[in-house]
Amino acid sequence: MEKKLILNIAVFLLVILGIAIIYFGMAGPKVMWPPVITGVGFFVISWVFYKLKEN
């Protein structure tokens, strides 16, 4: 597999997981901050992978 394809798949999966984690953090009666912060971290990691793909 090519490097760009692997990075595209990784970015896609990280974004999906980040959305799911943020949703579960906000789904209850109160906002649980640790899952929300982790979900945002997944977005940051996917952004880094996206920037690595450009080089």
N, C-alpha and C. Protein backbone atom coordinates (compact mmCIF):
# COMPACT_ATOMS: atom_id res chain seq x y z
N MET A 1 0.83 -1.19 0.00
CA MET A 1 0.00 0.00 0.00
C MET A 1 0.87 1.24 0.00
N GLU A 2 0.36 2.28 -0.61
CA GLU A 2 1.11 3.52 -0.65
C GLU A 2 0.96 4.29 0.66
N LYS A 3 1.95 5.13 0.92
CA LYS A 3 1.96 5.91 2.16
C LYS A 3 0.74 6.83 2.24
N LYS A 4 0.38 7.47 1.14
CA LYS A 4 -0.76 8.40 1.15
C LYS A 4 -2.07 7.69 1.42
N LEU A 5 -2.23 6.49 0.89
CA LEU A 5 -3.47 5.73 1.12
C LEU A 5 -3.58 5.34 2.59
N ILE A 6 -2.48 4.90 3.16
CA ILE A 6 -2.48 4.52 4.58
C ILE A 6 -2.80 5.74 5.45
N LEU A 7 -2.22 6.89 5.14
CA LEU A 7 -2.50 8.09 5.92
C LEU A 7 -3.94 8.55 5.73
N ASN A 8 -4.50 8.40 4.53
CA ASN A 8 -5.91 8.75 4.30
C ASN A 8 -6.82 7.88 5.16
N ILE A 9 -6.55 6.60 5.20
CA ILE A 9 -7.36 5.68 6.01
C ILE A 9 -7.24 6.03 7.49
N ALA A 10 -6.02 6.32 7.94
CA ALA A 10 -5.80 6.67 9.35
C ALA A 10 -6.54 7.96 9.71
N VAL A 11 -6.48 8.95 8.84
CA VAL A 11 -7.18 10.22 9.10
C VAL A 11 -8.68 9.98 9.18
N PHE A 12 -9.22 9.21 8.25
CA PHE A 12 -10.65 8.93 8.23
C PHE A 12 -11.10 8.22 9.51
N LEU A 13 -10.36 7.19 9.92
CA LEU A 13 -10.72 6.45 11.12
C LEU A 13 -10.59 7.30 12.38
N LEU A 14 -9.56 8.14 12.46
CA LEU A 14 -9.40 9.00 13.62
C LEU A 14 -10.51 10.03 13.73
N VAL A 15 -10.96 10.56 12.60
CA VAL A 15 -12.06 11.53 12.64
C VAL A 15 -13.34 10.84 13.09
N ILE A 16 -13.62 9.64 12.56
CA ILE A 16 -14.82 8.90 12.97
C ILE A 16 -14.76 8.57 14.47
N LEU A 17 -13.63 8.09 14.94
CA LEU A 17 -13.49 7.78 16.36
C LEU A 17 -13.60 9.04 17.23
N GLY A 18 -13.03 10.15 16.77
CA GLY A 18 -13.13 11.40 17.52
C GLY A 18 -14.57 11.86 17.66
N ILE A 19 -15.33 11.77 16.57
CA ILE A 19 -16.74 12.15 16.63
C ILE A 19 -17.50 11.24 17.59
N ALA A 20 -17.23 9.93 17.53
CA ALA A 20 -17.92 8.98 18.40
C ALA A 20 -17.59 9.24 19.87
N ILE A 21 -16.33 9.50 20.18
CA ILE A 21 -15.93 9.74 21.56
C ILE A 21 -16.57 11.02 22.09
N ILE A 22 -16.59 12.08 21.28
CA ILE A 22 -17.22 13.33 21.71
C ILE A 22 -18.71 13.11 21.92
N TYR A 23 -19.35 12.35 21.04
CA TYR A 23 -20.78 12.07 21.19
C TYR A 23 -21.06 11.34 22.50
N PHE A 24 -20.28 10.31 22.79
CA PHE A 24 -20.50 9.57 24.04
C PHE A 24 -20.21 10.43 25.27
N GLY A 25 -19.29 11.37 25.16
CA GLY A 25 -19.01 12.27 26.27
C GLY A 25 -20.14 13.24 26.55
N MET A 26 -20.92 13.57 25.52
CA MET A 26 -22.01 14.52 25.67
C MET A 26 -23.38 13.86 25.71
N ALA A 27 -23.44 12.54 25.62
CA ALA A 27 -24.73 11.85 25.51
C ALA A 27 -25.48 11.77 26.83
N GLY A 28 -24.80 11.79 27.93
CA GLY A 28 -25.46 11.63 29.23
C GLY A 28 -26.11 12.92 29.71
N PRO A 29 -26.62 12.89 30.93
CA PRO A 29 -27.26 14.08 31.47
C PRO A 29 -26.26 15.22 31.74
N LYS A 30 -25.02 14.85 32.03
CA LYS A 30 -23.97 15.85 32.22
C LYS A 30 -22.88 15.60 31.19
N VAL A 31 -22.13 16.65 30.87
CA VAL A 31 -21.00 16.50 29.94
C VAL A 31 -19.84 15.88 30.71
N MET A 32 -19.34 14.77 30.20
CA MET A 32 -18.14 14.16 30.78
C MET A 32 -16.95 14.70 30.00
N TRP A 33 -16.12 15.49 30.64
CA TRP A 33 -15.05 16.19 29.94
C TRP A 33 -13.90 15.31 29.46
N PRO A 34 -13.49 14.27 30.18
CA PRO A 34 -12.36 13.47 29.66
C PRO A 34 -12.60 12.86 28.27
N PRO A 35 -13.78 12.29 27.98
CA PRO A 35 -13.98 11.80 26.61
C PRO A 35 -14.01 12.92 25.57
N VAL A 36 -14.55 14.06 25.93
CA VAL A 36 -14.59 15.18 24.98
C VAL A 36 -13.17 15.65 24.66
N ILE A 37 -12.34 15.77 25.68
CA ILE A 37 -10.95 16.19 25.47
C ILE A 37 -10.21 15.14 24.63
N THR A 38 -10.46 13.87 24.89
CA THR A 38 -9.83 12.81 24.11
C THR A 38 -10.27 12.86 22.65
N GLY A 39 -11.56 13.13 22.42
CA GLY A 39 -12.06 13.25 21.05
C GLY A 39 -11.40 14.40 20.30
N VAL A 40 -11.20 15.52 21.00
CA VAL A 40 -10.51 16.65 20.37
C VAL A 40 -9.05 16.27 20.08
N GLY A 41 -8.45 15.49 20.96
CA GLY A 41 -7.09 15.00 20.71
C GLY A 41 -7.01 14.13 19.47
N PHE A 42 -8.05 13.34 19.22
CA PHE A 42 -8.09 12.54 18.00
C PHE A 42 -8.12 13.44 16.77
N PHE A 43 -8.86 14.56 16.85
CA PHE A 43 -8.88 15.50 15.73
C PHE A 43 -7.51 16.11 15.49
N VAL A 44 -6.79 16.43 16.57
CA VAL A 44 -5.45 16.99 16.43
C VAL A 44 -4.50 15.98 15.79
N ILE A 45 -4.58 14.73 16.22
CA ILE A 45 -3.72 13.70 15.65
C ILE A 45 -4.05 13.49 14.17
N SER A 46 -5.33 13.51 13.82
CA SER A 46 -5.69 13.33 12.41
C SER A 46 -5.21 14.52 11.58
N TRP A 47 -5.21 15.74 12.14
CA TRP A 47 -4.69 16.89 11.43
C TRP A 47 -3.19 16.74 11.17
N VAL A 48 -2.46 16.21 12.16
CA VAL A 48 -1.02 15.99 11.99
C VAL A 48 -0.78 14.96 10.88
N PHE A 49 -1.54 13.87 10.87
CA PHE A 49 -1.40 12.89 9.81
C PHE A 49 -1.71 13.48 8.45
N TYR A 50 -2.73 14.34 8.39
CA TYR A 50 -3.10 14.99 7.13
C TYR A 50 -1.95 15.88 6.63
N LYS A 51 -1.31 16.60 7.53
CA LYS A 51 -0.17 17.45 7.14
C LYS A 51 1.02 16.61 6.75
N LEU A 52 1.23 15.45 7.38
CA LEU A 52 2.33 14.58 6.99
C LEU A 52 2.12 14.02 5.59
N LYS A 53 0.87 13.84 5.21
CA LYS A 53 0.57 13.30 3.89
C LYS A 53 1.01 14.25 2.79
N GLU A 54 0.99 15.54 3.06
CA GLU A 54 1.33 16.53 2.03
C GLU A 54 2.81 16.48 1.67
N ASN A 55 3.66 16.06 2.57
CA ASN A 55 5.10 16.03 2.30
C ASN A 55 5.52 14.77 1.62
